Amino acid sequence: MDPRELRQAFAANLRRLRHAKGISQEDLAYEAGVNRTYVSKLEKGTSYPGLEIIAKLATVLEVEPAELIRLPAPQPTPRMRRSASK
């Protein structure tokens, strides 16, 4: 697995979960004890979080840490869709 894929999945999950909770980057950063610009970099996928940061963010977002690094489900390819409809 390419580490960039995991970083992008983390970024997308962090943004999605933050929006679902209806909190700003600033509020998330404050509650997690990190800088707002760091949260912004995480959501853009330009910074790598450590395990402690993942745990802090998960606590504030009220999710398991694994939810933040979960890869998206693979999208069916046209070939997969054709064979599934047979």
PDB file of N, CA and C in Angstrom:
ATOM      1  N   MET A   1       0.840  -1.182   0.000  1.00  0.00           N
ATOM      2  CA  MET A   1       0.000   0.000   0.000  1.00  0.00           C
ATOM      3  C   MET A   1       0.882   1.242   0.000  1.00  0.00           C
ATOM      4  N   ASP A   2       0.512   2.185  -0.794  1.00  0.00           N
ATOM      5  CA  ASP A   2       1.220   3.462  -0.876  1.00  0.00           C
ATOM      6  C   ASP A   2       0.839   4.313   0.342  1.00  0.00           C
ATOM      7  N   PRO A   3       1.812   4.785   1.134  1.00  0.00           N
ATOM      8  CA  PRO A   3       1.496   5.606   2.311  1.00  0.00           C
ATOM      9  C   PRO A   3       0.692   6.858   1.976  1.00  0.00           C
ATOM     10  N   ARG A   4       0.835   7.349   0.750  1.00  0.00           N
ATOM     11  CA  ARG A   4       0.065   8.538   0.364  1.00  0.00           C
ATOM     12  C   ARG A   4      -1.430   8.240   0.328  1.00  0.00           C
ATOM     13  N   GLU A   5      -1.801   7.013  -0.023  1.00  0.00           N
ATOM     14  CA  GLU A   5      -3.214   6.628  -0.022  1.00  0.00           C
ATOM     15  C   GLU A   5      -3.786   6.688   1.390  1.00  0.00           C
ATOM     16  N   LEU A   6      -3.024   6.203   2.343  1.00  0.00           N
ATOM     17  CA  LEU A   6      -3.460   6.220   3.735  1.00  0.00           C
ATOM     18  C   LEU A   6      -3.571   7.654   4.241  1.00  0.00           C
ATOM     19  N   ARG A   7      -2.610   8.486   3.876  1.00  0.00           N
ATOM     20  CA  ARG A   7      -2.645   9.898   4.286  1.00  0.00           C
ATOM     21  C   ARG A   7      -3.864  10.595   3.696  1.00  0.00           C
ATOM     22  N   GLN A   8      -4.173  10.320   2.427  1.00  0.00           N
ATOM     23  CA  GLN A   8      -5.345  10.931   1.798  1.00  0.00           C
ATOM     24  C   GLN A   8      -6.644  10.405   2.402  1.00  0.00           C
ATOM     25  N   ALA A   9      -6.673   9.118   2.746  1.00  0.00           N
ATOM     26  CA  ALA A   9      -7.861   8.557   3.402  1.00  0.00           C
ATOM     27  C   ALA A   9      -8.057   9.214   4.757  1.00  0.00           C
ATOM     28  N   PHE A  10      -6.960   9.392   5.516  1.00  0.00           N
ATOM     29  CA  PHE A  10      -7.048  10.060   6.812  1.00  0.00           C
ATOM     30  C   PHE A  10      -7.590  11.473   6.632  1.00  0.00           C
ATOM     31  N   ALA A  11      -7.050  12.201   5.658  1.00  0.00           N
ATOM     32  CA  ALA A  11      -7.475  13.586   5.415  1.00  0.00           C
ATOM     33  C   ALA A  11      -8.975  13.651   5.113  1.00  0.00           C
ATOM     34  N   ALA A  12      -9.438  12.783   4.229  1.00  0.00           N
ATOM     35  CA  ALA A  12     -10.858  12.775   3.854  1.00  0.00           C
ATOM     36  C   ALA A  12     -11.743  12.379   5.036  1.00  0.00           C
ATOM     37  N   ASN A  13     -11.317  11.378   5.796  1.00  0.00           N
ATOM     38  CA  ASN A  13     -12.100  10.940   6.953  1.00  0.00           C
ATOM     39  C   ASN A  13     -12.163  12.027   8.024  1.00  0.00           C
ATOM     40  N   LEU A  14     -11.037  12.679   8.281  1.00  0.00           N
ATOM     41  CA  LEU A  14     -11.011  13.751   9.274  1.00  0.00           C
ATOM     42  C   LEU A  14     -11.974  14.867   8.885  1.00  0.00           C
ATOM     43  N   ARG A  15     -11.914  15.284   7.642  1.00  0.00           N
ATOM     44  CA  ARG A  15     -12.790  16.356   7.151  1.00  0.00           C
ATOM     45  C   ARG A  15     -14.264  15.927   7.234  1.00  0.00           C
ATOM     46  N   ARG A  16     -14.555  14.704   6.785  1.00  0.00           N
ATOM     47  CA  ARG A  16     -15.935  14.193   6.797  1.00  0.00           C
ATOM     48  C   ARG A  16     -16.486  14.112   8.217  1.00  0.00           C
ATOM     49  N   LEU A  17     -15.706  13.557   9.124  1.00  0.00           N
ATOM     50  CA  LEU A  17     -16.164  13.396  10.501  1.00  0.00           C
ATOM     51  C   LEU A  17     -16.310  14.740  11.209  1.00  0.00           C
ATOM     52  N   ARG A  18     -15.406  15.668  10.925  1.00  0.00           N
ATOM     53  CA  ARG A  18     -15.505  17.009  11.523  1.00  0.00           C
ATOM     54  C   ARG A  18     -16.766  17.711  11.043  1.00  0.00           C
ATOM     55  N   HIS A  19     -17.020  17.624   9.748  1.00  0.00           N
ATOM     56  CA  HIS A  19     -18.239  18.238   9.204  1.00  0.00           C
ATOM     57  C   HIS A  19     -19.486  17.585   9.790  1.00  0.00           C
ATOM     58  N   ALA A  20     -19.462  16.264   9.940  1.00  0.00           N
ATOM     59  CA  ALA A  20     -20.613  15.545  10.496  1.00  0.00           C
ATOM     60  C   ALA A  20     -20.911  15.995  11.929  1.00  0.00           C
ATOM     61  N   LYS A  21     -19.863  16.346  12.677  1.00  0.00           N
ATOM     62  CA  LYS A  21     -20.044  16.839  14.050  1.00  0.00           C
ATOM     63  C   LYS A  21     -20.408  18.313  14.074  1.00  0.00           C
ATOM     64  N   GLY A  22     -20.254  18.982  12.918  1.00  0.00           N
ATOM     65  CA  GLY A  22     -20.593  20.401  12.835  1.00  0.00           C
ATOM     66  C   GLY A  22     -19.644  21.305  13.606  1.00  0.00           C
ATOM     67  N   ILE A  23     -18.356  20.936  13.634  1.00  0.00           N
ATOM     68  CA  ILE A  23     -17.394  21.778  14.343  1.00  0.00           C
ATOM     69  C   ILE A  23     -16.351  22.322  13.381  1.00  0.00           C
ATOM     70  N   SER A  24     -15.813  23.465  13.743  1.00  0.00           N
ATOM     71  CA  SER A  24     -14.812  24.112  12.895  1.00  0.00           C
ATOM     72  C   SER A  24     -13.436  23.495  13.141  1.00  0.00           C
ATOM     73  N   GLN A  25     -12.520  23.778  12.232  1.00  0.00           N
ATOM     74  CA  GLN A  25     -11.138  23.341  12.420  1.00  0.00           C
ATOM     75  C   GLN A  25     -10.583  23.943  13.707  1.00  0.00           C
ATOM     76  N   GLU A  26     -10.917  25.185  13.959  1.00  0.00           N
ATOM     77  CA  GLU A  26     -10.421  25.870  15.153  1.00  0.00           C
ATOM     78  C   GLU A  26     -10.913  25.188  16.429  1.00  0.00           C
ATOM     79  N   ASP A  27     -12.201  24.841  16.463  1.00  0.00           N
ATOM     80  CA  ASP A  27     -12.745  24.172  17.644  1.00  0.00           C
ATOM     81  C   ASP A  27     -12.147  22.773  17.820  1.00  0.00           C
ATOM     82  N   LEU A  28     -11.987  22.045  16.718  1.00  0.00           N
ATOM     83  CA  LEU A  28     -11.388  20.714  16.785  1.00  0.00           C
ATOM     84  C   LEU A  28      -9.960  20.826  17.311  1.00  0.00           C
ATOM     85  N   ALA A  29      -9.210  21.770  16.778  1.00  0.00           N
ATOM     86  CA  ALA A  29      -7.823  21.961  17.200  1.00  0.00           C
ATOM     87  C   ALA A  29      -7.749  22.298  18.684  1.00  0.00           C
ATOM     88  N   TYR A  30      -8.604  23.200  19.132  1.00  0.00           N
ATOM     89  CA  TYR A  30      -8.603  23.612  20.536  1.00  0.00           C
ATOM     90  C   TYR A  30      -8.899  22.428  21.447  1.00  0.00           C
ATOM     91  N   GLU A  31      -9.937  21.677  21.118  1.00  0.00           N
ATOM     92  CA  GLU A  31     -10.344  20.537  21.950  1.00  0.00           C
ATOM     93  C   GLU A  31      -9.288  19.427  21.951  1.00  0.00           C
ATOM     94  N   ALA A  32      -8.577  19.266  20.838  1.00  0.00           N
ATOM     95  CA  ALA A  32      -7.549  18.227  20.733  1.00  0.00           C
ATOM     96  C   ALA A  32      -6.184  18.698  21.239  1.00  0.00           C
ATOM     97  N   GLY A  33      -6.066  19.989  21.502  1.00  0.00           N
ATOM     98  CA  GLY A  33      -4.805  20.527  21.992  1.00  0.00           C
ATOM     99  C   GLY A  33      -3.730  20.642  20.933  1.00  0.00           C
ATOM    100  N   VAL A  34      -4.162  20.940  19.695  1.00  0.00           N
ATOM    101  CA  VAL A  34      -3.206  21.130  18.600  1.00  0.00           C
ATOM    102  C   VAL A  34      -3.483  22.469  17.927  1.00  0.00           C
ATOM    103  N   ASN A  35      -2.586  22.882  17.055  1.00  0.00           N
ATOM    104  CA  ASN A  35      -2.737  24.140  16.341  1.00  0.00           C
ATOM    105  C   ASN A  35      -3.729  24.006  15.186  1.00  0.00           C
ATOM    106  N   ARG A  36      -4.512  25.044  14.926  1.00  0.00           N
ATOM    107  CA  ARG A  36      -5.496  25.004  13.849  1.00  0.00           C
ATOM    108  C   ARG A  36      -4.837  24.812  12.493  1.00  0.00           C
ATOM    109  N   THR A  37      -3.675  25.408  12.289  1.00  0.00           N
ATOM    110  CA  THR A  37      -3.003  25.237  10.991  1.00  0.00           C
ATOM    111  C   THR A  37      -2.566  23.781  10.797  1.00  0.00           C
ATOM    112  N   TYR A  38      -2.272  23.091  11.893  1.00  0.00           N
ATOM    113  CA  TYR A  38      -1.920  21.675  11.806  1.00  0.00           C
ATOM    114  C   TYR A  38      -3.132  20.855  11.367  1.00  0.00           C
ATOM    115  N   VAL A  39      -4.304  21.167  11.920  1.00  0.00           N
ATOM    116  CA  VAL A  39      -5.534  20.481  11.503  1.00  0.00           C
ATOM    117  C   VAL A  39      -5.773  20.734  10.017  1.00  0.00           C
ATOM    118  N   SER A  40      -5.560  21.961   9.581  1.00  0.00           N
ATOM    119  CA  SER A  40      -5.720  22.286   8.167  1.00  0.00           C
ATOM    120  C   SER A  40      -4.775  21.449   7.300  1.00  0.00           C
ATOM    121  N   LYS A  41      -3.526  21.330   7.719  1.00  0.00           N
ATOM    122  CA  LYS A  41      -2.557  20.527   6.964  1.00  0.00           C
ATOM    123  C   LYS A  41      -2.961  19.055   6.944  1.00  0.00           C
ATOM    124  N   LEU A  42      -3.490  18.563   8.059  1.00  0.00           N
ATOM    125  CA  LEU A  42      -3.949  17.173   8.097  1.00  0.00           C
ATOM    126  C   LEU A  42      -5.098  16.956   7.123  1.00  0.00           C
ATOM    127  N   GLU A  43      -6.037  17.895   7.084  1.00  0.00           N
ATOM    128  CA  GLU A  43      -7.189  17.765   6.182  1.00  0.00           C
ATOM    129  C   GLU A  43      -6.805  17.909   4.720  1.00  0.00           C
ATOM    130  N   LYS A  44      -5.715  18.590   4.455  1.00  0.00           N
ATOM    131  CA  LYS A  44      -5.227  18.717   3.074  1.00  0.00           C
ATOM    132  C   LYS A  44      -4.345  17.541   2.685  1.00  0.00           C
ATOM    133  N   GLY A  45      -3.974  16.728   3.667  1.00  0.00           N
ATOM    134  CA  GLY A  45      -3.113  15.589   3.390  1.00  0.00           C
ATOM    135  C   GLY A  45      -1.666  15.966   3.198  1.00  0.00           C
ATOM    136  N   THR A  46      -1.258  17.113   3.738  1.00  0.00           N
ATOM    137  CA  THR A  46       0.124  17.559   3.573  1.00  0.00           C
ATOM    138  C   THR A  46       0.980  17.299   4.802  1.00  0.00           C
ATOM    139  N   SER A  47       0.381  16.714   5.852  1.00  0.00           N
ATOM    140  CA  SER A  47       1.123  16.413   7.067  1.00  0.00           C
ATOM    141  C   SER A  47       0.733  15.026   7.562  1.00  0.00           C
ATOM    142  N   TYR A  48       1.698  14.337   8.160  1.00  0.00           N
ATOM    143  CA  TYR A  48       1.460  13.000   8.715  1.00  0.00           C
ATOM    144  C   TYR A  48       1.171  13.114  10.211  1.00  0.00           C
ATOM    145  N   PRO A  49       0.044  12.574  10.677  1.00  0.00           N
ATOM    146  CA  PRO A  49      -0.222  12.613  12.119  1.00  0.00           C
ATOM    147  C   PRO A  49       0.437  11.433  12.829  1.00  0.00           C
ATOM    148  N   GLY A  50       0.816  11.646  14.073  1.00  0.00           N
ATOM    149  CA  GLY A  50       1.307  10.553  14.909  1.00  0.00           C
ATOM    150  C   GLY A  50       0.131   9.881  15.603  1.00  0.00           C
ATOM    151  N   LEU A  51       0.415   8.764  16.251  1.00  0.00           N
ATOM    152  CA  LEU A  51      -0.645   8.008  16.931  1.00  0.00           C
ATOM    153  C   LEU A  51      -1.312   8.822  18.034  1.00  0.00           C
ATOM    154  N   GLU A  52      -0.536   9.617  18.765  1.00  0.00           N
ATOM    155  CA  GLU A  52      -1.114  10.429  19.840  1.00  0.00           C
ATOM    156  C   GLU A  52      -2.109  11.445  19.280  1.00  0.00           C
ATOM    157  N   ILE A  53      -1.780  12.048  18.162  1.00  0.00           N
ATOM    158  CA  ILE A  53      -2.673  13.029  17.536  1.00  0.00           C
ATOM    159  C   ILE A  53      -3.930  12.335  17.021  1.00  0.00           C
ATOM    160  N   ILE A  54      -3.770  11.174  16.392  1.00  0.00           N
ATOM    161  CA  ILE A  54      -4.929  10.421  15.908  1.00  0.00           C
ATOM    162  C   ILE A  54      -5.856  10.115  17.078  1.00  0.00           C
ATOM    163  N   ALA A  55      -5.286   9.695  18.212  1.00  0.00           N
ATOM    164  CA  ALA A  55      -6.091   9.380  19.392  1.00  0.00           C
ATOM    165  C   ALA A  55      -6.814  10.618  19.919  1.00  0.00           C
ATOM    166  N   LYS A  56      -6.126  11.758  19.968  1.00  0.00           N
ATOM    167  CA  LYS A  56      -6.748  12.993  20.455  1.00  0.00           C
ATOM    168  C   LYS A  56      -7.899  13.428  19.547  1.00  0.00           C
ATOM    169  N   LEU A  57      -7.667  13.391  18.246  1.00  0.00           N
ATOM    170  CA  LEU A  57      -8.711  13.794  17.293  1.00  0.00           C
ATOM    171  C   LEU A  57      -9.908  12.846  17.376  1.00  0.00           C
ATOM    172  N   ALA A  58      -9.642  11.554  17.483  1.00  0.00           N
ATOM    173  CA  ALA A  58     -10.723  10.569  17.586  1.00  0.00           C
ATOM    174  C   ALA A  58     -11.561  10.816  18.838  1.00  0.00           C
ATOM    175  N   THR A  59     -10.907  11.142  19.933  1.00  0.00           N
ATOM    176  CA  THR A  59     -11.626  11.419  21.178  1.00  0.00           C
ATOM    177  C   THR A  59     -12.559  12.608  21.016  1.00  0.00           C
ATOM    178  N   VAL A  60     -12.061  13.683  20.426  1.00  0.00           N
ATOM    179  CA  VAL A  60     -12.891  14.872  20.221  1.00  0.00           C
ATOM    180  C   VAL A  60     -14.049  14.565  19.264  1.00  0.00           C
ATOM    181  N   LEU A  61     -13.776  13.784  18.222  1.00  0.00           N
ATOM    182  CA  LEU A  61     -14.801  13.455  17.230  1.00  0.00           C
ATOM    183  C   LEU A  61     -15.720  12.318  17.683  1.00  0.00           C
ATOM    184  N   GLU A  62     -15.390  11.717  18.830  1.00  0.00           N
ATOM    185  CA  GLU A  62     -16.175  10.623  19.408  1.00  0.00           C
ATOM    186  C   GLU A  62     -16.289   9.425  18.466  1.00  0.00           C
ATOM    187  N   VAL A  63     -15.130   9.033  17.918  1.00  0.00           N
ATOM    188  CA  VAL A  63     -15.041   7.847  17.055  1.00  0.00           C
ATOM    189  C   VAL A  63     -13.832   7.030  17.492  1.00  0.00           C
ATOM    190  N   GLU A  64     -13.763   5.802  17.041  1.00  0.00           N
ATOM    191  CA  GLU A  64     -12.585   4.978  17.272  1.00  0.00           C
ATOM    192  C   GLU A  64     -11.459   5.491  16.373  1.00  0.00           C
ATOM    193  N   PRO A  65     -10.217   5.453  16.836  1.00  0.00           N
ATOM    194  CA  PRO A  65      -9.107   5.911  15.991  1.00  0.00           C
ATOM    195  C   PRO A  65      -9.072   5.233  14.622  1.00  0.00           C
ATOM    196  N   ALA A  66      -9.458   3.974  14.553  1.00  0.00           N
ATOM    197  CA  ALA A  66      -9.449   3.255  13.270  1.00  0.00           C
ATOM    198  C   ALA A  66     -10.358   3.904  12.235  1.00  0.00           C
ATOM    199  N   GLU A  67     -11.408   4.571  12.696  1.00  0.00           N
ATOM    200  CA  GLU A  67     -12.324   5.245  11.768  1.00  0.00           C
ATOM    201  C   GLU A  67     -11.611   6.342  10.986  1.00  0.00           C
ATOM    202  N   LEU A  68     -10.606   6.946  11.593  1.00  0.00           N
ATOM    203  CA  LEU A  68      -9.872   8.019  10.921  1.00  0.00           C
ATOM    204  C   LEU A  68      -8.940   7.496   9.829  1.00  0.00           C
ATOM    205  N   ILE A  69      -8.496   6.260   9.961  1.00  0.00           N
ATOM    206  CA  ILE A  69      -7.553   5.745   8.951  1.00  0.00           C
ATOM    207  C   ILE A  69      -8.173   4.688   8.050  1.00  0.00           C
ATOM    208  N   ARG A  70      -9.477   4.513   8.167  1.00  0.00           N
ATOM    209  CA  ARG A  70     -10.164   3.522   7.325  1.00  0.00           C
ATOM    210  C   ARG A  70     -10.091   3.935   5.858  1.00  0.00           C
ATOM    211  N   LEU A  71      -9.666   2.993   5.026  1.00  0.00           N
ATOM    212  CA  LEU A  71      -9.625   3.247   3.581  1.00  0.00           C
ATOM    213  C   LEU A  71     -11.037   3.150   3.016  1.00  0.00           C
ATOM    214  N   PRO A  72     -11.345   3.923   1.987  1.00  0.00           N
ATOM    215  CA  PRO A  72     -12.674   3.828   1.377  1.00  0.00           C
ATOM    216  C   PRO A  72     -12.875   2.456   0.732  1.00  0.00           C
ATOM    217  N   ALA A  73     -14.114   2.015   0.699  1.00  0.00           N
ATOM    218  CA  ALA A  73     -14.432   0.735   0.052  1.00  0.00           C
ATOM    219  C   ALA A  73     -14.107   0.846  -1.430  1.00  0.00           C
ATOM    220  N   PRO A  74     -13.556  -0.207  -2.019  1.00  0.00           N
ATOM    221  CA  PRO A  74     -13.236  -0.153  -3.450  1.00  0.00           C
ATOM    222  C   PRO A  74     -14.505   0.033  -4.286  1.00  0.00           C
ATOM    223  N   GLN A  75     -14.402   0.877  -5.273  1.00  0.00           N
ATOM    224  CA  GLN A  75     -15.529   1.122  -6.172  1.00  0.00           C
ATOM    225  C   GLN A  75     -15.559   0.029  -7.227  1.00  0.00           C
ATOM    226  N   PRO A  76     -16.741  -0.497  -7.541  1.00  0.00           N
ATOM    227  CA  PRO A  76     -16.801  -1.546  -8.569  1.00  0.00           C
ATOM    228  C   PRO A  76     -16.379  -1.001  -9.927  1.00  0.00           C
ATOM    229  N   THR A  77     -15.603  -1.787 -10.625  1.00  0.00           N
ATOM    230  CA  THR A  77     -15.186  -1.411 -11.973  1.00  0.00           C
ATOM    231  C   THR A  77     -16.286  -1.823 -12.933  1.00  0.00           C
ATOM    232  N   PRO A  78     -16.281  -1.305 -14.166  1.00  0.00           N
ATOM    233  CA  PRO A  78     -17.308  -1.714 -15.132  1.00  0.00           C
ATOM    234  C   PRO A  78     -17.359  -3.230 -15.306  1.00  0.00           C
ATOM    235  N   ARG A  79     -16.213  -3.885 -15.290  1.00  0.00           N
ATOM    236  CA  ARG A  79     -16.163  -5.337 -15.433  1.00  0.00           C
ATOM    237  C   ARG A  79     -16.865  -6.004 -14.242  1.00  0.00           C
ATOM    238  N   MET A  80     -16.651  -5.496 -13.029  1.00  0.00           N
ATOM    239  CA  MET A  80     -17.290  -6.057 -11.837  1.00  0.00           C
ATOM    240  C   MET A  80     -18.808  -5.885 -11.908  1.00  0.00           C
ATOM    241  N   ARG A  81     -19.260  -4.742 -12.401  1.00  0.00           N
ATOM    242  CA  ARG A  81     -20.702  -4.478 -12.477  1.00  0.00           C
ATOM    243  C   ARG A  81     -21.374  -5.420 -13.469  1.00  0.00           C
ATOM    244  N   ARG A  82     -20.709  -5.679 -14.618  1.00  0.00           N
ATOM    245  CA  ARG A  82     -21.280  -6.567 -15.616  1.00  0.00           C
ATOM    246  C   ARG A  82     -21.416  -7.970 -15.083  1.00  0.00           C
ATOM    247  N   SER A  83     -20.379  -8.470 -14.399  1.00  0.00           N
ATOM    248  CA  SER A  83     -20.445  -9.845 -13.915  1.00  0.00           C
ATOM    249  C   SER A  83     -21.441  -9.968 -12.752  1.00  0.00           C
ATOM    250  N   ALA A  84     -21.647  -8.912 -11.999  1.00  0.00           N
ATOM    251  CA  ALA A  84     -22.599  -8.956 -10.886  1.00  0.00           C
ATOM    252  C   ALA A  84     -24.038  -8.954 -11.371  1.00  0.00           C
ATOM    253  N   SER A  85     -24.281  -8.394 -12.547  1.00  0.00           N
ATOM    254  CA  SER A  85     -25.655  -8.325 -13.049  1.00  0.00           C
ATOM    255  C   SER A  85     -26.073  -9.589 -13.800  1.00  0.00           C
ATOM    256  N   LYS A  86     -25.151 -10.519 -14.014  1.00  0.00           N
ATOM    257  CA  LYS A  86     -25.469 -11.760 -14.732  1.00  0.00           C
ATOM    258  C   LYS A  86     -26.145 -12.761 -13.845  1.00  0.00           C
TER     259      LYS A  86
END
